[in-house]
Each structure stands twice: as C-alpha cells, then as structure tokens.
Protein backbone atom coordinates (compact mmCIF):
# COMPACT_ATOMS: atom_id res chain seq x y z
CA MET A 1 1.70 18.21 -3.91
CA ARG A 2 0.88 14.51 -4.15
CA ARG A 3 -2.52 13.60 -2.77
CA PRO A 4 -2.18 11.42 0.37
CA LEU A 5 -3.29 7.79 0.21
CA ILE A 6 -4.15 5.87 3.37
CA ALA A 7 -4.56 2.16 2.60
CA GLY A 8 -5.69 -0.48 5.08
CA ASN A 9 -4.37 -4.01 4.60
CA TRP A 10 -6.65 -6.18 6.72
CA LYS A 11 -4.68 -9.37 6.05
CA MET A 12 -6.59 -12.48 7.21
CA HIS A 13 -9.06 -10.59 9.38
CA LYS A 14 -12.82 -9.87 9.27
CA SER A 15 -15.73 -11.94 8.04
CA VAL A 16 -18.25 -10.62 5.53
CA ALA A 17 -20.49 -9.44 8.38
CA GLU A 18 -17.59 -7.72 10.12
CA THR A 19 -16.50 -6.12 6.86
CA THR A 20 -20.01 -4.79 6.31
CA ALA A 21 -20.21 -3.28 9.79
CA TYR A 22 -16.73 -1.77 9.53
CA LEU A 23 -17.27 -0.12 6.16
CA GLU A 24 -20.67 1.24 7.13
CA ALA A 25 -19.07 2.84 10.19
CA LEU A 26 -16.10 4.18 8.22
CA ILE A 27 -18.28 5.68 5.50
CA ALA A 28 -20.39 7.35 8.19
CA GLU A 29 -17.28 9.15 9.47
CA ASP A 30 -16.77 12.74 8.38
CA MET A 31 -13.67 11.94 6.36
CA PRO A 32 -11.60 14.71 4.77
CA ALA A 33 -11.98 15.10 1.02
CA THR A 34 -8.24 15.69 0.58
CA VAL A 35 -7.17 12.09 1.30
CA ASP A 36 -7.65 8.95 -0.78
CA VAL A 37 -8.89 6.04 1.37
CA LEU A 38 -8.46 2.38 0.46
CA CYS A 39 -9.49 -0.79 2.31
CA CYS A 40 -8.19 -4.24 1.35
CA PRO A 41 -10.29 -7.01 2.98
CA PRO A 42 -9.83 -10.78 2.46
CA PHE A 43 -11.01 -12.24 -0.86
CA THR A 44 -14.25 -13.60 0.59
CA ALA A 45 -15.37 -10.13 1.67
CA LEU A 46 -14.45 -8.28 -1.53
CA PRO A 47 -17.85 -8.51 -3.31
CA ALA A 48 -19.72 -7.20 -0.27
CA ALA A 49 -17.10 -4.52 0.34
CA ALA A 50 -17.27 -3.31 -3.25
CA MET A 51 -21.07 -3.03 -3.06
CA ILE A 52 -21.05 -1.15 0.24
CA ALA A 53 -18.34 1.28 -0.89
CA THR A 54 -20.08 2.14 -4.16
CA GLY A 55 -20.72 5.87 -4.28
CA SER A 56 -18.55 6.59 -1.22
CA VAL A 57 -15.06 8.01 -0.90
CA VAL A 58 -13.72 4.59 0.14
CA ARG A 59 -12.02 2.46 -2.48
CA ILE A 60 -11.60 -1.33 -2.23
CA GLY A 61 -8.51 -3.34 -3.08
CA ALA A 62 -7.30 -6.94 -3.00
CA GLN A 63 -4.30 -8.24 -1.08
CA ASN A 64 -2.83 -10.38 -3.87
CA VAL A 65 -3.43 -11.54 -7.45
CA HIS A 66 -2.08 -14.11 -9.90
CA TRP A 67 -0.04 -13.11 -12.92
CA GLU A 68 -2.08 -15.17 -15.40
CA THR A 69 -5.59 -14.28 -16.54
CA THR A 70 -6.83 -17.88 -16.63
CA GLY A 71 -5.55 -21.43 -16.24
CA ALA A 72 -5.03 -24.40 -13.95
CA PHE A 73 -3.95 -22.46 -10.86
CA THR A 74 -5.94 -23.90 -7.99
CA GLY A 75 -6.81 -21.36 -5.34
CA GLU A 76 -5.65 -18.33 -7.32
CA ILE A 77 -7.51 -15.21 -8.46
CA ALA A 78 -6.88 -13.32 -11.72
CA ALA A 79 -6.90 -9.54 -12.07
CA PRO A 80 -9.87 -9.46 -14.52
CA MET A 81 -11.91 -11.39 -11.95
CA LEU A 82 -11.21 -8.64 -9.43
CA GLY A 83 -12.13 -5.92 -11.88
CA GLU A 84 -15.39 -7.70 -12.65
CA ILE A 85 -16.60 -7.25 -9.07
CA GLY A 86 -15.54 -3.63 -8.81
CA ILE A 87 -12.09 -3.93 -7.27
CA GLY A 88 -9.76 -1.17 -8.42
CA TRP A 89 -6.53 -1.82 -6.51
CA VAL A 90 -4.17 -4.70 -5.72
CA ILE A 91 -1.33 -5.00 -3.21
CA VAL A 92 1.59 -6.98 -4.65
CA GLY A 93 4.91 -8.10 -3.19
CA HIS A 94 3.91 -7.60 0.45
CA SER A 95 6.62 -8.60 2.92
CA GLU A 96 4.48 -11.44 4.27
CA ARG A 97 4.00 -12.78 0.75
CA ARG A 98 7.77 -12.62 0.30
CA THR A 99 8.75 -14.22 3.62
CA LEU A 100 5.93 -16.74 4.10
CA PHE A 101 4.86 -17.67 0.57
CA GLY A 102 7.97 -17.46 -1.58
CA GLU A 103 7.23 -14.23 -3.42
CA THR A 104 10.23 -12.99 -5.42
CA ASP A 105 11.01 -9.75 -7.19
CA ALA A 106 10.18 -11.48 -10.49
CA THR A 107 6.80 -12.86 -9.40
CA ALA A 108 5.86 -9.54 -7.76
CA LEU A 109 6.61 -7.76 -11.03
CA ALA A 110 4.55 -10.33 -12.96
CA ARG A 111 1.59 -9.74 -10.63
CA ALA A 112 1.95 -5.97 -11.00
CA THR A 113 2.11 -6.22 -14.78
CA ALA A 114 -1.04 -8.35 -14.88
CA THR A 115 -2.81 -5.96 -12.52
CA GLN A 116 -2.10 -2.94 -14.69
CA ALA A 117 -3.03 -4.87 -17.84
CA ALA A 118 -6.48 -5.40 -16.31
CA GLY A 119 -6.85 -1.67 -15.69
CA LEU A 120 -6.26 -1.82 -11.93
CA GLU A 121 -3.94 0.21 -9.70
CA VAL A 122 -0.85 -1.37 -8.14
CA ILE A 123 0.57 -0.90 -4.66
CA PHE A 124 4.03 -2.44 -5.01
CA CYS A 125 5.65 -3.34 -1.67
CA ILE A 126 9.38 -3.29 -0.99
CA GLY A 127 11.57 -3.19 2.11
CA GLU A 128 14.50 -4.70 3.94
CA THR A 129 14.66 -7.24 6.76
CA LEU A 130 16.36 -6.70 10.12
CA GLU A 131 19.43 -8.61 8.96
CA GLU A 132 19.68 -6.49 5.83
CA ARG A 133 19.20 -3.25 7.79
CA ASP A 134 21.86 -4.20 10.35
CA ALA A 135 24.24 -5.17 7.52
CA GLY A 136 23.89 -1.71 6.01
CA ALA A 137 22.26 -3.17 2.89
CA THR A 138 19.01 -1.15 2.94
CA PHE A 139 19.67 0.84 -0.23
CA ALA A 140 21.06 -2.19 -2.08
CA VAL A 141 17.91 -4.15 -1.27
CA LEU A 142 15.62 -1.32 -2.36
CA GLU A 143 17.59 -0.91 -5.57
CA ARG A 144 17.26 -4.62 -6.33
CA GLN A 145 13.56 -4.75 -5.52
CA THR A 146 12.79 -1.76 -7.75
CA GLY A 147 15.10 -2.91 -10.54
CA ALA A 148 12.40 -3.78 -13.07
CA LEU A 149 9.70 -1.26 -12.12
CA GLY A 150 10.54 0.72 -15.24
CA GLU A 151 8.45 -1.86 -17.14
CA LEU A 152 5.29 -0.65 -15.37
CA ASP A 153 3.03 2.31 -16.07
CA PRO A 154 3.99 4.98 -13.52
CA SER A 155 0.56 6.61 -13.70
CA HIS A 156 -1.00 3.49 -12.14
CA LEU A 157 1.72 2.70 -9.63
CA VAL A 158 2.11 3.35 -5.90
CA LEU A 159 5.15 2.19 -3.91
CA ALA A 160 4.90 1.04 -0.31
CA TYR A 161 8.12 1.02 1.70
CA GLU A 162 7.91 -1.63 4.42
CA PRO A 163 10.88 -1.80 6.78
CA VAL A 164 10.20 -5.41 7.70
CA TRP A 165 12.24 -5.02 10.88
CA ALA A 166 9.80 -2.37 12.15
CA ILE A 167 6.59 -4.37 11.67
CA GLY A 168 5.26 -5.96 14.85
CA THR A 169 8.74 -6.19 16.39
CA GLY A 170 8.65 -3.34 18.86
CA ARG A 171 11.43 -1.60 16.92
CA MET A 172 10.35 1.61 15.27
CA ALA A 173 11.85 3.37 12.28
CA THR A 174 12.79 6.92 13.17
CA PRO A 175 11.52 9.77 11.00
CA VAL A 176 15.09 10.19 9.72
CA GLN A 177 15.26 6.51 8.68
CA ALA A 178 11.85 6.64 7.02
CA GLN A 179 12.61 9.85 5.11
CA GLU A 180 16.02 8.70 3.88
CA ALA A 181 14.50 5.49 2.46
CA HIS A 182 11.66 7.39 0.79
CA ALA A 183 14.07 9.99 -0.61
CA PHE A 184 16.25 7.21 -2.02
CA LEU A 185 13.21 5.67 -3.69
CA ARG A 186 12.22 9.05 -5.15
CA VAL A 187 15.63 9.27 -6.82
CA ARG A 188 15.29 5.68 -8.07
CA LEU A 189 11.92 6.49 -9.62
CA ALA A 190 13.36 9.56 -11.33
CA SER A 191 16.08 7.42 -12.91
CA MET A 192 13.42 5.06 -14.32
CA PHE A 193 10.58 7.35 -15.30
CA GLY A 194 12.02 10.85 -15.46
CA GLY A 195 11.44 13.72 -13.09
CA GLU A 196 7.85 14.69 -13.88
CA ALA A 197 6.44 11.15 -13.87
CA SER A 198 8.39 10.12 -10.78
CA GLU A 199 7.27 13.15 -8.81
CA ALA A 200 3.65 12.06 -9.29
CA ILE A 201 4.19 8.54 -7.88
CA ARG A 202 3.10 8.20 -4.29
CA ILE A 203 5.35 6.38 -1.83
CA LEU A 204 3.57 5.02 1.25
CA TYR A 205 5.18 4.18 4.56
CA GLY A 206 4.31 0.71 5.84
CA GLY A 207 6.24 0.20 9.05
CA SER A 208 3.73 0.01 11.93
CA LEU A 209 2.16 3.40 11.27
CA LYS A 210 -0.34 4.15 14.04
CA PRO A 211 -2.35 7.14 15.30
CA GLU A 212 0.42 7.82 17.83
CA ASN A 213 3.16 8.31 15.20
CA ALA A 214 1.07 9.19 12.14
CA ARG A 215 1.54 12.96 12.15
CA GLU A 216 5.30 12.74 12.62
CA LEU A 217 5.72 10.28 9.75
CA LEU A 218 3.11 11.65 7.34
CA ALA A 219 4.63 15.13 7.62
CA LEU A 220 7.88 13.91 6.04
CA ALA A 221 8.63 15.35 2.61
CA ASP A 222 8.61 12.09 0.65
CA VAL A 223 6.01 10.15 2.66
CA ASP A 224 2.74 10.33 0.72
CA GLY A 225 0.55 8.20 2.97
CA GLY A 226 0.58 4.83 4.65
CA LEU A 227 -0.05 1.15 4.10
CA ILE A 228 -1.63 0.32 7.44
CA GLY A 229 -1.86 -3.16 8.97
CA GLY A 230 -3.10 -3.63 12.53
CA ALA A 231 -4.25 -0.06 13.03
CA SER A 232 -6.55 -0.32 10.00
CA LEU A 233 -8.68 -2.97 11.70
CA ASP A 234 -10.24 -0.44 14.06
CA VAL A 235 -12.39 2.29 12.52
CA ARG A 236 -11.38 4.91 15.08
CA SER A 237 -7.67 4.26 14.66
CA PHE A 238 -7.90 4.20 10.87
CA SER A 239 -9.97 7.40 10.83
CA ALA A 240 -7.43 9.10 13.10
CA ILE A 241 -4.65 8.28 10.63
CA ILE A 242 -6.75 9.59 7.75
CA ARG A 243 -7.32 12.86 9.60
CA ALA A 244 -3.61 13.12 10.41
CA ALA A 245 -2.84 12.74 6.70
CA ALA A 246 -5.28 15.53 5.88
CA ASP A 247 -3.73 17.82 8.48
CA CYS A 248 -0.24 17.17 7.11
CA ALA A 249 -1.43 17.82 3.56
CA ALA A 250 -2.94 21.12 4.67
CA GLY A 251 0.26 22.19 6.38
CA GLU A 252 3.84 22.30 5.26
CA LYS A 253 5.79 19.11 4.80
CA SER A 254 8.98 18.84 6.84
C-alpha cells in the first residue's frame, strides 16, 4: 500500500517567527511514523523551516519554482537554490498559480522538469473549475493537464487533485466524486508509466480537506493523502489530519 503523504500548503501566511513556533509545536506532537509529513511555508521562511525540521519527521517544501536554473528573471527562485538550503519538495501548477498568475500546463511541466533535474520531489497539481465540472468536462480537463506527465520521472512525482470548485466555496466534493477522479487519474498514470510504476505514485486530494472530513476522504481506495490549505495553518487541525491518515492506512481502504 502507498504510504500516505499529508502536505500543508501555507500559501502567503506566517512570518519567520510564526513558522518557527508552528514547526516546533508540530515536531513536539506524537506523530505517527506511518505518514509522510510535509510543510510548505512562504519563501522567506524556508531557510528557518529547513533548519528547524532537520532530524525530524517533517519535510519542507516550496510553493513554486522557476523552470530555469539561472538568468534575468526578477523575483524568481531556481530549483538548485532551493536544494542548497535543504528544501526537498516543490508544489507546481497549483490552481491559484493557474488562475491568478497565468500558469499553463506547459509552464507547470517546465517547472516540474526543472525541479526533478535538481533532485527534488514534485507535487503536480491538477483539477477542474466549477464551470468545467458543471459542463461535464472533468475527465477531459484532467486528461489535458496530465498529457505530458510521461516526460517526468514517476519515482519523484506526486499528483494533487484539486477540484477548484470545492476550495473555499462552501461546495464539497462527495467521496464518490473524489474517488472517481482519483481512479481516473490512476488509469491515466498506468497508460503513461505502466502498471507497476503508476501504482507507486501517490495521488493527494486537495479540495478543502479538514479534520471533519479527513477520515471519510483518506479512506478512499485511490486517495493517498492530502494537499491541505487552510487547515494546515493550525497545528491541532493539521495533526488531526495526519492521525486520520495513519488510522486509514492501518485499516482497510474503502
């Protein structure tokens, strides 16, 4: 069975001091050894976060990266720069990067390729909007967004399915909707990488996963963890989701 991954995307939240206090509290929690835990603070807090997490079960990731290793790209950060300070993971193609900052399937792939070339792990985000969901285009969108993933190394790749329509809108994806999307993605991965490699790739659910719905969603057969937004900002909430993932891993998947 795939090892669960619970990843916190803090977005534009937490100062260096707040990051320090949060991680110290999280590391002090009695976290289960059966779950991988990842926190992704803002760029300014990454060096401090990497230092605090050293030697703990918590891993640190970045929320974005540029596709070039050097050059005249004001305000950008290259993957080797992240690796230099001890960052091992990068989120690419997040729905907010797509909707607010012009991210495309092509630029997301370029970022993922650069991330893997630097020896870092990729969390590649995909998902449909409300308009696309209501138009019955969910699978077509997911097929398009995963179209070029075959160019990546599957052993350093995690997918995150984000139903954009279920993030901060009050609308929730049902377990049936979440599972059918994840199952579709599992088949897509098999077509690109073959059965054995695709079965090892973790697919995270990223649609407003909270302590209240964590067990129901994490128990689904093809849900291998979560990419957590708002609920990751509170240590107790994040820890509760981690424990729910451990309980689901210990029991039978639905």
